[in-house]
């Protein structure tokens, strides 16, 4: 059984994701675990007040478990009445030592451009 440390540096962070990754990694090995995160999503007003801090914290924390991949939702998700705010996943990509996958709406041209810019 995994004991989780809930004393985290990011305010309002719900530790369930990190705790689950730790528990599953200890059972089957981190090389068989992947996680999808959406730190910039504000769907149905369920946004994080400090999404950059949360995304970076999670990317750094996941290194401990040697997970197979981290799949992050691109930071252009917004509600129908809002305009998207430009954010970058670059700090998270630079912090994570494993495979980093980004989803969403990229066509060939803009997808390749983002890869060249390291997201």
PDB file of N, CA and C in Angstrom:
ATOM      1  N   UNK A   1       0.843  -1.184   0.000  1.00  0.00           N
ATOM      2  CA  UNK A   1       0.000   0.000   0.000  1.00  0.00           C
ATOM      3  C   UNK A   1       0.884   1.241   0.000  1.00  0.00           C
ATOM      4  N   UNK A   2       0.504   2.236  -0.781  1.00  0.00           N
ATOM      5  CA  UNK A   2       1.275   3.462  -0.916  1.00  0.00           C
ATOM      6  C   UNK A   2       0.703   4.533  -0.004  1.00  0.00           C
ATOM      7  N   UNK A   3       1.562   5.132   0.791  1.00  0.00           N
ATOM      8  CA  UNK A   3       1.171   6.271   1.622  1.00  0.00           C
ATOM      9  C   UNK A   3       1.500   7.535   0.846  1.00  0.00           C
ATOM     10  N   UNK A   4       0.556   8.452   0.731  1.00  0.00           N
ATOM     11  CA  UNK A   4       0.774   9.666  -0.041  1.00  0.00           C
ATOM     12  C   UNK A   4       1.074  10.848   0.868  1.00  0.00           C
ATOM     13  N   UNK A   5       2.035  11.657   0.438  1.00  0.00           N
ATOM     14  CA  UNK A   5       2.385  12.879   1.150  1.00  0.00           C
ATOM     15  C   UNK A   5       1.559  14.012   0.562  1.00  0.00           C
ATOM     16  N   UNK A   6       0.646  14.560   1.344  1.00  0.00           N
ATOM     17  CA  UNK A   6      -0.233  15.598   0.836  1.00  0.00           C
ATOM     18  C   UNK A   6       0.290  17.014   1.079  1.00  0.00           C
ATOM     19  N   UNK A   7       1.498  17.145   1.567  1.00  0.00           N
ATOM     20  CA  UNK A   7       2.075  18.470   1.798  1.00  0.00           C
ATOM     21  C   UNK A   7       2.802  18.899   0.531  1.00  0.00           C
ATOM     22  N   UNK A   8       2.065  19.489  -0.387  1.00  0.00           N
ATOM     23  CA  UNK A   8       2.625  19.863  -1.675  1.00  0.00           C
ATOM     24  C   UNK A   8       2.828  21.360  -1.747  1.00  0.00           C
ATOM     25  N   UNK A   9       3.655  21.783  -2.686  1.00  0.00           N
ATOM     26  CA  UNK A   9       3.985  23.193  -2.818  1.00  0.00           C
ATOM     27  C   UNK A   9       2.967  23.966  -3.649  1.00  0.00           C
ATOM     28  N   UNK A  10       2.148  23.288  -4.414  1.00  0.00           N
ATOM     29  CA  UNK A  10       1.183  23.966  -5.267  1.00  0.00           C
ATOM     30  C   UNK A  10      -0.155  24.075  -4.549  1.00  0.00           C
ATOM     31  N   UNK A  11      -0.639  25.302  -4.300  1.00  0.00           N
ATOM     32  CA  UNK A  11      -1.924  25.445  -3.624  1.00  0.00           C
ATOM     33  C   UNK A  11      -3.062  24.864  -4.459  1.00  0.00           C
ATOM     34  N   UNK A  12      -4.069  24.389  -3.797  1.00  0.00           N
ATOM     35  CA  UNK A  12      -5.275  23.846  -4.419  1.00  0.00           C
ATOM     36  C   UNK A  12      -5.038  22.575  -5.222  1.00  0.00           C
ATOM     37  N   UNK A  13      -3.874  21.993  -5.106  1.00  0.00           N
ATOM     38  CA  UNK A  13      -3.567  20.776  -5.861  1.00  0.00           C
ATOM     39  C   UNK A  13      -4.222  19.579  -5.203  1.00  0.00           C
ATOM     40  N   UNK A  14      -4.935  18.818  -5.979  1.00  0.00           N
ATOM     41  CA  UNK A  14      -5.536  17.587  -5.481  1.00  0.00           C
ATOM     42  C   UNK A  14      -4.546  16.469  -5.744  1.00  0.00           C
ATOM     43  N   UNK A  15      -4.048  15.805  -4.725  1.00  0.00           N
ATOM     44  CA  UNK A  15      -2.952  14.851  -4.876  1.00  0.00           C
ATOM     45  C   UNK A  15      -3.331  13.500  -5.464  1.00  0.00           C
ATOM     46  N   UNK A  16      -4.555  13.314  -5.887  1.00  0.00           N
ATOM     47  CA  UNK A  16      -4.996  11.996  -6.348  1.00  0.00           C
ATOM     48  C   UNK A  16      -4.181  11.483  -7.526  1.00  0.00           C
ATOM     49  N   UNK A  17      -3.885  12.319  -8.507  1.00  0.00           N
ATOM     50  CA  UNK A  17      -3.154  11.856  -9.691  1.00  0.00           C
ATOM     51  C   UNK A  17      -1.779  11.332  -9.326  1.00  0.00           C
ATOM     52  N   UNK A  18      -1.045  12.096  -8.554  1.00  0.00           N
ATOM     53  CA  UNK A  18       0.304  11.676  -8.170  1.00  0.00           C
ATOM     54  C   UNK A  18       0.247  10.408  -7.330  1.00  0.00           C
ATOM     55  N   UNK A  19      -0.691  10.333  -6.440  1.00  0.00           N
ATOM     56  CA  UNK A  19      -0.833   9.167  -5.572  1.00  0.00           C
ATOM     57  C   UNK A  19      -1.163   7.919  -6.391  1.00  0.00           C
ATOM     58  N   UNK A  20      -2.040   8.060  -7.378  1.00  0.00           N
ATOM     59  CA  UNK A  20      -2.402   6.919  -8.224  1.00  0.00           C
ATOM     60  C   UNK A  20      -1.220   6.456  -9.064  1.00  0.00           C
ATOM     61  N   UNK A  21      -0.466   7.404  -9.624  1.00  0.00           N
ATOM     62  CA  UNK A  21       0.716   7.036 -10.409  1.00  0.00           C
ATOM     63  C   UNK A  21       1.705   6.283  -9.529  1.00  0.00           C
ATOM     64  N   UNK A  22       1.904   6.759  -8.319  1.00  0.00           N
ATOM     65  CA  UNK A  22       2.820   6.095  -7.394  1.00  0.00           C
ATOM     66  C   UNK A  22       2.348   4.673  -7.086  1.00  0.00           C
ATOM     67  N   UNK A  23       1.069   4.520  -6.796  1.00  0.00           N
ATOM     68  CA  UNK A  23       0.532   3.200  -6.446  1.00  0.00           C
ATOM     69  C   UNK A  23       0.619   2.225  -7.617  1.00  0.00           C
ATOM     70  N   UNK A  24       0.221   2.671  -8.792  1.00  0.00           N
ATOM     71  CA  UNK A  24       0.238   1.786  -9.960  1.00  0.00           C
ATOM     72  C   UNK A  24       1.671   1.459 -10.361  1.00  0.00           C
ATOM     73  N   UNK A  25       2.550   2.459 -10.333  1.00  0.00           N
ATOM     74  CA  UNK A  25       3.956   2.227 -10.683  1.00  0.00           C
ATOM     75  C   UNK A  25       4.616   1.226  -9.759  1.00  0.00           C
ATOM     76  N   UNK A  26       4.262   1.276  -8.491  1.00  0.00           N
ATOM     77  CA  UNK A  26       4.867   0.338  -7.543  1.00  0.00           C
ATOM     78  C   UNK A  26       4.365  -1.088  -7.775  1.00  0.00           C
ATOM     79  N   UNK A  27       3.181  -1.231  -8.357  1.00  0.00           N
ATOM     80  CA  UNK A  27       2.614  -2.556  -8.621  1.00  0.00           C
ATOM     81  C   UNK A  27       3.089  -3.156  -9.941  1.00  0.00           C
ATOM     82  N   UNK A  28       3.058  -2.365 -11.013  1.00  0.00           N
ATOM     83  CA  UNK A  28       3.356  -2.927 -12.335  1.00  0.00           C
ATOM     84  C   UNK A  28       4.603  -2.344 -12.983  1.00  0.00           C
ATOM     85  N   UNK A  29       5.209  -1.350 -12.357  1.00  0.00           N
ATOM     86  CA  UNK A  29       6.396  -0.710 -12.918  1.00  0.00           C
ATOM     87  C   UNK A  29       6.032   0.541 -13.691  1.00  0.00           C
ATOM     88  N   UNK A  30       6.801   1.600 -13.467  1.00  0.00           N
ATOM     89  CA  UNK A  30       6.537   2.874 -14.128  1.00  0.00           C
ATOM     90  C   UNK A  30       6.641   2.806 -15.637  1.00  0.00           C
ATOM     91  N   UNK A  31       7.438   1.864 -16.146  1.00  0.00           N
ATOM     92  CA  UNK A  31       7.599   1.732 -17.593  1.00  0.00           C
ATOM     93  C   UNK A  31       6.342   1.202 -18.281  1.00  0.00           C
ATOM     94  N   UNK A  32       5.308   0.915 -17.501  1.00  0.00           N
ATOM     95  CA  UNK A  32       4.031   0.458 -18.058  1.00  0.00           C
ATOM     96  C   UNK A  32       2.896   1.425 -17.706  1.00  0.00           C
ATOM     97  N   UNK A  33       3.251   2.624 -17.268  1.00  0.00           N
ATOM     98  CA  UNK A  33       2.261   3.601 -16.811  1.00  0.00           C
ATOM     99  C   UNK A  33       2.357   4.878 -17.642  1.00  0.00           C
ATOM    100  N   UNK A  34       1.207   5.390 -18.053  1.00  0.00           N
ATOM    101  CA  UNK A  34       1.124   6.679 -18.715  1.00  0.00           C
ATOM    102  C   UNK A  34       0.034   7.491 -18.044  1.00  0.00           C
ATOM    103  N   UNK A  35       0.112   8.801 -18.193  1.00  0.00           N
ATOM    104  CA  UNK A  35      -0.890   9.671 -17.575  1.00  0.00           C
ATOM    105  C   UNK A  35      -1.224  10.802 -18.536  1.00  0.00           C
ATOM    106  N   UNK A  36      -2.470  11.218 -18.515  1.00  0.00           N
ATOM    107  CA  UNK A  36      -2.902  12.363 -19.310  1.00  0.00           C
ATOM    108  C   UNK A  36      -3.270  13.491 -18.364  1.00  0.00           C
ATOM    109  N   UNK A  37      -2.711  14.652 -18.609  1.00  0.00           N
ATOM    110  CA  UNK A  37      -2.958  15.831 -17.784  1.00  0.00           C
ATOM    111  C   UNK A  37      -3.448  16.983 -18.651  1.00  0.00           C
ATOM    112  N   UNK A  38      -4.296  17.812 -18.080  1.00  0.00           N
ATOM    113  CA  UNK A  38      -4.816  18.997 -18.771  1.00  0.00           C
ATOM    114  C   UNK A  38      -4.745  20.187 -17.823  1.00  0.00           C
ATOM    115  N   UNK A  39      -3.551  20.655 -17.470  1.00  0.00           N
ATOM    116  CA  UNK A  39      -3.455  21.712 -16.461  1.00  0.00           C
ATOM    117  C   UNK A  39      -4.082  23.038 -16.875  1.00  0.00           C
ATOM    118  N   UNK A  40      -4.187  23.305 -18.176  1.00  0.00           N
ATOM    119  CA  UNK A  40      -4.724  24.586 -18.632  1.00  0.00           C
ATOM    120  C   UNK A  40      -6.216  24.551 -18.922  1.00  0.00           C
ATOM    121  N   UNK A  41      -6.824  23.409 -18.831  1.00  0.00           N
ATOM    122  CA  UNK A  41      -8.247  23.296 -19.139  1.00  0.00           C
ATOM    123  C   UNK A  41      -9.088  24.015 -18.086  1.00  0.00           C
ATOM    124  N   UNK A  42     -10.086  24.720 -18.565  1.00  0.00           N
ATOM    125  CA  UNK A  42     -11.008  25.403 -17.663  1.00  0.00           C
ATOM    126  C   UNK A  42     -12.439  24.997 -17.995  1.00  0.00           C
ATOM    127  N   UNK A  43     -12.594  23.794 -18.468  1.00  0.00           N
ATOM    128  CA  UNK A  43     -13.908  23.314 -18.880  1.00  0.00           C
ATOM    129  C   UNK A  43     -14.859  23.285 -17.686  1.00  0.00           C
ATOM    130  N   UNK A  44     -16.034  23.830 -17.885  1.00  0.00           N
ATOM    131  CA  UNK A  44     -17.071  23.882 -16.847  1.00  0.00           C
ATOM    132  C   UNK A  44     -16.552  24.543 -15.563  1.00  0.00           C
ATOM    133  N   UNK A  45     -15.706  25.544 -15.732  1.00  0.00           N
ATOM    134  CA  UNK A  45     -15.154  26.325 -14.623  1.00  0.00           C
ATOM    135  C   UNK A  45     -14.374  25.480 -13.623  1.00  0.00           C
ATOM    136  N   UNK A  46     -13.780  24.405 -14.112  1.00  0.00           N
ATOM    137  CA  UNK A  46     -12.991  23.529 -13.237  1.00  0.00           C
ATOM    138  C   UNK A  46     -11.506  23.788 -13.442  1.00  0.00           C
ATOM    139  N   UNK A  47     -11.141  25.046 -13.626  1.00  0.00           N
ATOM    140  CA  UNK A  47      -9.753  25.401 -13.899  1.00  0.00           C
ATOM    141  C   UNK A  47      -8.895  25.465 -12.652  1.00  0.00           C
ATOM    142  N   UNK A  48      -7.621  25.388 -12.877  1.00  0.00           N
ATOM    143  CA  UNK A  48      -6.612  25.490 -11.821  1.00  0.00           C
ATOM    144  C   UNK A  48      -6.162  26.942 -11.754  1.00  0.00           C
ATOM    145  N   UNK A  49      -6.097  27.562 -10.563  1.00  0.00           N
ATOM    146  CA  UNK A  49      -5.678  28.956 -10.471  1.00  0.00           C
ATOM    147  C   UNK A  49      -4.230  29.180 -10.906  1.00  0.00           C
ATOM    148  N   UNK A  50      -3.390  28.162 -10.790  1.00  0.00           N
ATOM    149  CA  UNK A  50      -1.989  28.276 -11.201  1.00  0.00           C
ATOM    150  C   UNK A  50      -1.629  27.095 -12.115  1.00  0.00           C
ATOM    151  N   UNK A  51      -2.154  27.078 -13.353  1.00  0.00           N
ATOM    152  CA  UNK A  51      -1.948  25.913 -14.212  1.00  0.00           C
ATOM    153  C   UNK A  51      -0.490  25.655 -14.575  1.00  0.00           C
ATOM    154  N   UNK A  52       0.290  26.706 -14.784  1.00  0.00           N
ATOM    155  CA  UNK A  52       1.711  26.497 -15.114  1.00  0.00           C
ATOM    156  C   UNK A  52       2.428  25.822 -13.958  1.00  0.00           C
ATOM    157  N   UNK A  53       2.174  26.288 -12.752  1.00  0.00           N
ATOM    158  CA  UNK A  53       2.820  25.705 -11.568  1.00  0.00           C
ATOM    159  C   UNK A  53       2.402  24.251 -11.383  1.00  0.00           C
ATOM    160  N   UNK A  54       1.131  23.956 -11.592  1.00  0.00           N
ATOM    161  CA  UNK A  54       0.646  22.588 -11.446  1.00  0.00           C
ATOM    162  C   UNK A  54       1.256  21.669 -12.499  1.00  0.00           C
ATOM    163  N   UNK A  55       1.239  22.103 -13.766  1.00  0.00           N
ATOM    164  CA  UNK A  55       1.807  21.289 -14.844  1.00  0.00           C
ATOM    165  C   UNK A  55       3.283  21.015 -14.634  1.00  0.00           C
ATOM    166  N   UNK A  56       4.019  22.027 -14.219  1.00  0.00           N
ATOM    167  CA  UNK A  56       5.451  21.866 -13.971  1.00  0.00           C
ATOM    168  C   UNK A  56       5.697  20.966 -12.767  1.00  0.00           C
ATOM    169  N   UNK A  57       4.927  21.157 -11.721  1.00  0.00           N
ATOM    170  CA  UNK A  57       5.059  20.302 -10.533  1.00  0.00           C
ATOM    171  C   UNK A  57       4.826  18.838 -10.901  1.00  0.00           C
ATOM    172  N   UNK A  58       3.764  18.570 -11.658  1.00  0.00           N
ATOM    173  CA  UNK A  58       3.456  17.187 -12.030  1.00  0.00           C
ATOM    174  C   UNK A  58       4.534  16.597 -12.927  1.00  0.00           C
ATOM    175  N   UNK A  59       5.022  17.361 -13.901  1.00  0.00           N
ATOM    176  CA  UNK A  59       6.077  16.858 -14.791  1.00  0.00           C
ATOM    177  C   UNK A  59       7.314  16.479 -13.985  1.00  0.00           C
ATOM    178  N   UNK A  60       7.698  17.333 -13.047  1.00  0.00           N
ATOM    179  CA  UNK A  60       8.866  17.043 -12.209  1.00  0.00           C
ATOM    180  C   UNK A  60       8.603  15.854 -11.292  1.00  0.00           C
ATOM    181  N   UNK A  61       7.412  15.777 -10.726  1.00  0.00           N
ATOM    182  CA  UNK A  61       7.075  14.685  -9.805  1.00  0.00           C
ATOM    183  C   UNK A  61       7.034  13.340 -10.523  1.00  0.00           C
ATOM    184  N   UNK A  62       6.598  13.319 -11.771  1.00  0.00           N
ATOM    185  CA  UNK A  62       6.483  12.065 -12.516  1.00  0.00           C
ATOM    186  C   UNK A  62       7.840  11.443 -12.825  1.00  0.00           C
ATOM    187  N   UNK A  63       8.883  12.256 -12.867  1.00  0.00           N
ATOM    188  CA  UNK A  63      10.226  11.722 -13.128  1.00  0.00           C
ATOM    189  C   UNK A  63      10.622  10.668 -12.108  1.00  0.00           C
ATOM    190  N   UNK A  64      10.160  10.823 -10.909  1.00  0.00           N
ATOM    191  CA  UNK A  64      10.496   9.896  -9.817  1.00  0.00           C
ATOM    192  C   UNK A  64      10.053   8.468 -10.121  1.00  0.00           C
ATOM    193  N   UNK A  65       8.990   8.315 -10.903  1.00  0.00           N
ATOM    194  CA  UNK A  65       8.398   7.003 -11.140  1.00  0.00           C
ATOM    195  C   UNK A  65       8.817   6.375 -12.465  1.00  0.00           C
ATOM    196  N   UNK A  66       9.551   7.106 -13.291  1.00  0.00           N
ATOM    197  CA  UNK A  66      10.000   6.565 -14.567  1.00  0.00           C
ATOM    198  C   UNK A  66       8.860   6.126 -15.464  1.00  0.00           C
ATOM    199  N   UNK A  67       7.795   6.929 -15.506  1.00  0.00           N
ATOM    200  CA  UNK A  67       6.617   6.527 -16.276  1.00  0.00           C
ATOM    201  C   UNK A  67       6.915   6.490 -17.772  1.00  0.00           C
ATOM    202  N   UNK A  68       6.126   5.700 -18.477  1.00  0.00           N
ATOM    203  CA  UNK A  68       6.291   5.511 -19.910  1.00  0.00           C
ATOM    204  C   UNK A  68       6.050   6.811 -20.674  1.00  0.00           C
ATOM    205  N   UNK A  69       4.974   7.528 -20.338  1.00  0.00           N
ATOM    206  CA  UNK A  69       4.699   8.783 -21.030  1.00  0.00           C
ATOM    207  C   UNK A  69       3.800   9.689 -20.201  1.00  0.00           C
ATOM    208  N   UNK A  70       3.847  10.969 -20.551  1.00  0.00           N
ATOM    209  CA  UNK A  70       2.914  11.964 -20.030  1.00  0.00           C
ATOM    210  C   UNK A  70       2.245  12.593 -21.247  1.00  0.00           C
ATOM    211  N   UNK A  71       0.933  12.509 -21.295  1.00  0.00           N
ATOM    212  CA  UNK A  71       0.139  13.016 -22.410  1.00  0.00           C
ATOM    213  C   UNK A  71      -0.565  14.275 -21.912  1.00  0.00           C
ATOM    214  N   UNK A  72      -0.180  15.435 -22.441  1.00  0.00           N
ATOM    215  CA  UNK A  72      -0.789  16.690 -22.000  1.00  0.00           C
ATOM    216  C   UNK A  72      -1.698  17.248 -23.080  1.00  0.00           C
ATOM    217  N   UNK A  73      -2.817  17.768 -22.633  1.00  0.00           N
ATOM    218  CA  UNK A  73      -3.745  18.427 -23.547  1.00  0.00           C
ATOM    219  C   UNK A  73      -3.187  19.791 -23.901  1.00  0.00           C
ATOM    220  N   UNK A  74      -3.269  20.114 -25.158  1.00  0.00           N
ATOM    221  CA  UNK A  74      -2.737  21.406 -25.588  1.00  0.00           C
ATOM    222  C   UNK A  74      -3.435  22.532 -24.835  1.00  0.00           C
ATOM    223  N   UNK A  75      -2.729  23.603 -24.585  1.00  0.00           N
ATOM    224  CA  UNK A  75      -3.264  24.663 -23.723  1.00  0.00           C
ATOM    225  C   UNK A  75      -4.178  25.653 -24.418  1.00  0.00           C
ATOM    226  N   UNK A  76      -4.944  25.217 -25.398  1.00  0.00           N
ATOM    227  CA  UNK A  76      -5.871  26.134 -26.057  1.00  0.00           C
ATOM    228  C   UNK A  76      -7.318  25.733 -25.828  1.00  0.00           C
ATOM    229  N   UNK A  77      -7.586  25.010 -24.773  1.00  0.00           N
ATOM    230  CA  UNK A  77      -8.947  24.577 -24.475  1.00  0.00           C
ATOM    231  C   UNK A  77      -9.678  25.724 -23.777  1.00  0.00           C
ATOM    232  N   UNK A  78     -10.910  25.991 -24.193  1.00  0.00           N
ATOM    233  CA  UNK A  78     -11.676  27.076 -23.585  1.00  0.00           C
ATOM    234  C   UNK A  78     -13.165  26.822 -23.747  1.00  0.00           C
ATOM    235  N   UNK A  79     -13.950  27.509 -22.952  1.00  0.00           N
ATOM    236  CA  UNK A  79     -15.408  27.424 -23.063  1.00  0.00           C
ATOM    237  C   UNK A  79     -15.871  28.241 -24.265  1.00  0.00           C
ATOM    238  N   UNK A  80     -17.063  27.980 -24.724  1.00  0.00           N
ATOM    239  CA  UNK A  80     -17.545  28.615 -25.946  1.00  0.00           C
ATOM    240  C   UNK A  80     -17.603  30.133 -25.865  1.00  0.00           C
ATOM    241  N   UNK A  81     -17.753  30.705 -24.690  1.00  0.00           N
ATOM    242  CA  UNK A  81     -17.850  32.158 -24.598  1.00  0.00           C
ATOM    243  C   UNK A  81     -16.518  32.832 -24.294  1.00  0.00           C
ATOM    244  N   UNK A  82     -15.475  32.066 -24.107  1.00  0.00           N
ATOM    245  CA  UNK A  82     -14.169  32.633 -23.789  1.00  0.00           C
ATOM    246  C   UNK A  82     -13.272  32.621 -25.015  1.00  0.00           C
ATOM    247  N   UNK A  83     -12.280  33.483 -24.996  1.00  0.00           N
ATOM    248  CA  UNK A  83     -11.248  33.418 -26.026  1.00  0.00           C
ATOM    249  C   UNK A  83     -10.072  32.656 -25.437  1.00  0.00           C
ATOM    250  N   UNK A  84      -9.385  31.886 -26.268  1.00  0.00           N
ATOM    251  CA  UNK A  84      -8.279  31.094 -25.734  1.00  0.00           C
ATOM    252  C   UNK A  84      -7.111  31.973 -25.308  1.00  0.00           C
ATOM    253  N   UNK A  85      -6.466  31.585 -24.247  1.00  0.00           N
ATOM    254  CA  UNK A  85      -5.276  32.281 -23.774  1.00  0.00           C
ATOM    255  C   UNK A  85      -4.080  31.437 -24.178  1.00  0.00           C
ATOM    256  N   UNK A  86      -3.079  32.082 -24.725  1.00  0.00           N
ATOM    257  CA  UNK A  86      -1.905  31.342 -25.191  1.00  0.00           C
ATOM    258  C   UNK A  86      -1.038  30.930 -24.003  1.00  0.00           C
ATOM    259  N   UNK A  87      -0.782  29.652 -23.908  1.00  0.00           N
ATOM    260  CA  UNK A  87       0.095  29.097 -22.883  1.00  0.00           C
ATOM    261  C   UNK A  87       1.100  28.197 -23.578  1.00  0.00           C
ATOM    262  N   UNK A  88       2.148  27.875 -22.888  1.00  0.00           N
ATOM    263  CA  UNK A  88       3.169  27.000 -23.449  1.00  0.00           C
ATOM    264  C   UNK A  88       3.358  25.772 -22.575  1.00  0.00           C
ATOM    265  N   UNK A  89       3.569  24.636 -23.226  1.00  0.00           N
ATOM    266  CA  UNK A  89       3.891  23.401 -22.517  1.00  0.00           C
ATOM    267  C   UNK A  89       5.403  23.201 -22.431  1.00  0.00           C
ATOM    268  N   UNK A  90       6.159  24.155 -22.949  1.00  0.00           N
ATOM    269  CA  UNK A  90       7.616  24.004 -22.983  1.00  0.00           C
ATOM    270  C   UNK A  90       8.229  23.740 -21.609  1.00  0.00           C
ATOM    271  N   UNK A  91       7.853  24.462 -20.548  1.00  0.00           N
ATOM    272  CA  UNK A  91       8.458  24.172 -19.238  1.00  0.00           C
ATOM    273  C   UNK A  91       8.189  22.736 -18.772  1.00  0.00           C
ATOM    274  N   UNK A  92       6.989  22.229 -19.055  1.00  0.00           N
ATOM    275  CA  UNK A  92       6.662  20.854 -18.668  1.00  0.00           C
ATOM    276  C   UNK A  92       7.474  19.856 -19.495  1.00  0.00           C
ATOM    277  N   UNK A  93       7.600  20.148 -20.798  1.00  0.00           N
ATOM    278  CA  UNK A  93       8.375  19.270 -21.677  1.00  0.00           C
ATOM    279  C   UNK A  93       9.830  19.221 -21.239  1.00  0.00           C
ATOM    280  N   UNK A  94      10.376  20.363 -20.890  1.00  0.00           N
ATOM    281  CA  UNK A  94      11.779  20.422 -20.475  1.00  0.00           C
ATOM    282  C   UNK A  94      11.990  19.723 -19.129  1.00  0.00           C
ATOM    283  N   UNK A  95      10.992  19.733 -18.269  1.00  0.00           N
ATOM    284  CA  UNK A  95      11.117  19.117 -16.938  1.00  0.00           C
ATOM    285  C   UNK A  95      10.966  17.602 -16.982  1.00  0.00           C
ATOM    286  N   UNK A  96      10.131  17.091 -17.872  1.00  0.00           N
ATOM    287  CA  UNK A  96       9.867  15.650 -17.926  1.00  0.00           C
ATOM    288  C   UNK A  96      10.995  14.937 -18.660  1.00  0.00           C
ATOM    289  N   UNK A  97      11.534  13.899 -18.043  1.00  0.00           N
ATOM    290  CA  UNK A  97      12.629  13.153 -18.667  1.00  0.00           C
ATOM    291  C   UNK A  97      12.139  12.041 -19.586  1.00  0.00           C
ATOM    292  N   UNK A  98      10.857  11.760 -19.578  1.00  0.00           N
ATOM    293  CA  UNK A  98      10.308  10.675 -20.394  1.00  0.00           C
ATOM    294  C   UNK A  98       9.649  11.178 -21.665  1.00  0.00           C
ATOM    295  N   UNK A  99       8.841  10.322 -22.252  1.00  0.00           N
ATOM    296  CA  UNK A  99       8.117  10.653 -23.478  1.00  0.00           C
ATOM    297  C   UNK A  99       7.000  11.641 -23.168  1.00  0.00           C
ATOM    298  N   UNK A 100       6.907  12.666 -23.985  1.00  0.00           N
ATOM    299  CA  UNK A 100       5.933  13.740 -23.808  1.00  0.00           C
ATOM    300  C   UNK A 100       5.044  13.784 -25.049  1.00  0.00           C
ATOM    301  N   UNK A 101       3.756  13.595 -24.867  1.00  0.00           N
ATOM    302  CA  UNK A 101       2.802  13.578 -25.973  1.00  0.00           C
ATOM    303  C   UNK A 101       1.838  14.751 -25.795  1.00  0.00           C
ATOM    304  N   UNK A 102       1.522  15.429 -26.896  1.00  0.00           N
ATOM    305  CA  UNK A 102       0.565  16.536 -26.856  1.00  0.00           C
ATOM    306  C   UNK A 102      -0.560  16.216 -27.831  1.00  0.00           C
ATOM    307  N   UNK A 103      -1.795  16.413 -27.390  1.00  0.00           N
ATOM    308  CA  UNK A 103      -2.933  16.146 -28.260  1.00  0.00           C
ATOM    309  C   UNK A 103      -3.558  17.428 -28.759  1.00  0.00           C
ATOM    310  N   UNK A 104      -4.418  17.273 -29.684  1.00  0.00           N
ATOM    311  CA  UNK A 104      -5.326  18.323 -30.074  1.00  0.00           C
ATOM    312  C   UNK A 104      -5.049  18.919 -31.422  1.00  0.00           C
ATOM    313  N   UNK A 105      -5.953  19.223 -32.119  1.00  0.00           N
ATOM    314  CA  UNK A 105      -6.122  20.166 -33.190  1.00  0.00           C
ATOM    315  C   UNK A 105      -4.933  20.619 -33.995  1.00  0.00           C
ATOM    316  N   UNK A 106      -3.811  19.953 -33.929  1.00  0.00           N
ATOM    317  CA  UNK A 106      -2.670  20.371 -34.726  1.00  0.00           C
ATOM    318  C   UNK A 106      -2.749  19.735 -36.102  1.00  0.00           C
ATOM    319  N   UNK A 107      -2.600  20.555 -37.132  1.00  0.00           N
ATOM    320  CA  UNK A 107      -2.460  20.040 -38.485  1.00  0.00           C
ATOM    321  C   UNK A 107      -0.983  19.737 -38.725  1.00  0.00           C
ATOM    322  N   UNK A 108      -0.667  19.227 -39.895  1.00  0.00           N
ATOM    323  CA  UNK A 108       0.720  18.857 -40.190  1.00  0.00           C
ATOM    324  C   UNK A 108       1.662  20.055 -40.060  1.00  0.00           C
ATOM    325  N   UNK A 109       1.288  21.173 -40.659  1.00  0.00           N
ATOM    326  CA  UNK A 109       2.163  22.344 -40.674  1.00  0.00           C
ATOM    327  C   UNK A 109       2.370  22.920 -39.270  1.00  0.00           C
ATOM    328  N   UNK A 110       1.280  23.231 -38.561  1.00  0.00           N
ATOM    329  CA  UNK A 110       1.446  23.829 -37.229  1.00  0.00           C
ATOM    330  C   UNK A 110       1.960  22.810 -36.214  1.00  0.00           C
ATOM    331  N   UNK A 111       1.661  21.530 -36.394  1.00  0.00           N
ATOM    332  CA  UNK A 111       2.215  20.499 -35.510  1.00  0.00           C
ATOM    333  C   UNK A 111       3.722  20.418 -35.629  1.00  0.00           C
ATOM    334  N   UNK A 112       4.221  20.396 -36.866  1.00  0.00           N
ATOM    335  CA  UNK A 112       5.669  20.364 -37.075  1.00  0.00           C
ATOM    336  C   UNK A 112       6.334  21.636 -36.570  1.00  0.00           C
ATOM    337  N   UNK A 113       5.664  22.774 -36.754  1.00  0.00           N
ATOM    338  CA  UNK A 113       6.212  24.033 -36.261  1.00  0.00           C
ATOM    339  C   UNK A 113       6.336  24.006 -34.734  1.00  0.00           C
ATOM    340  N   UNK A 114       5.311  23.498 -34.048  1.00  0.00           N
ATOM    341  CA  UNK A 114       5.350  23.435 -32.586  1.00  0.00           C
ATOM    342  C   UNK A 114       6.450  22.496 -32.101  1.00  0.00           C
ATOM    343  N   UNK A 115       6.651  21.391 -32.811  1.00  0.00           N
ATOM    344  CA  UNK A 115       7.727  20.469 -32.440  1.00  0.00           C
ATOM    345  C   UNK A 115       9.070  21.174 -32.554  1.00  0.00           C
ATOM    346  N   UNK A 116       9.260  21.927 -33.618  1.00  0.00           N
ATOM    347  CA  UNK A 116      10.523  22.649 -33.807  1.00  0.00           C
ATOM    348  C   UNK A 116      10.735  23.687 -32.709  1.00  0.00           C
ATOM    349  N   UNK A 117       9.662  24.266 -32.220  1.00  0.00           N
ATOM    350  CA  UNK A 117       9.751  25.266 -31.150  1.00  0.00           C
ATOM    351  C   UNK A 117       9.729  24.623 -29.769  1.00  0.00           C
ATOM    352  N   UNK A 118       9.692  23.313 -29.699  1.00  0.00           N
ATOM    353  CA  UNK A 118       9.571  22.522 -28.466  1.00  0.00           C
ATOM    354  C   UNK A 118       8.331  22.935 -27.695  1.00  0.00           C
ATOM    355  N   UNK A 119       7.220  23.032 -28.393  1.00  0.00           N
ATOM    356  CA  UNK A 119       5.920  23.324 -27.808  1.00  0.00           C
ATOM    357  C   UNK A 119       5.962  24.647 -27.102  1.00  0.00           C
TER     358      UNK A 119
END
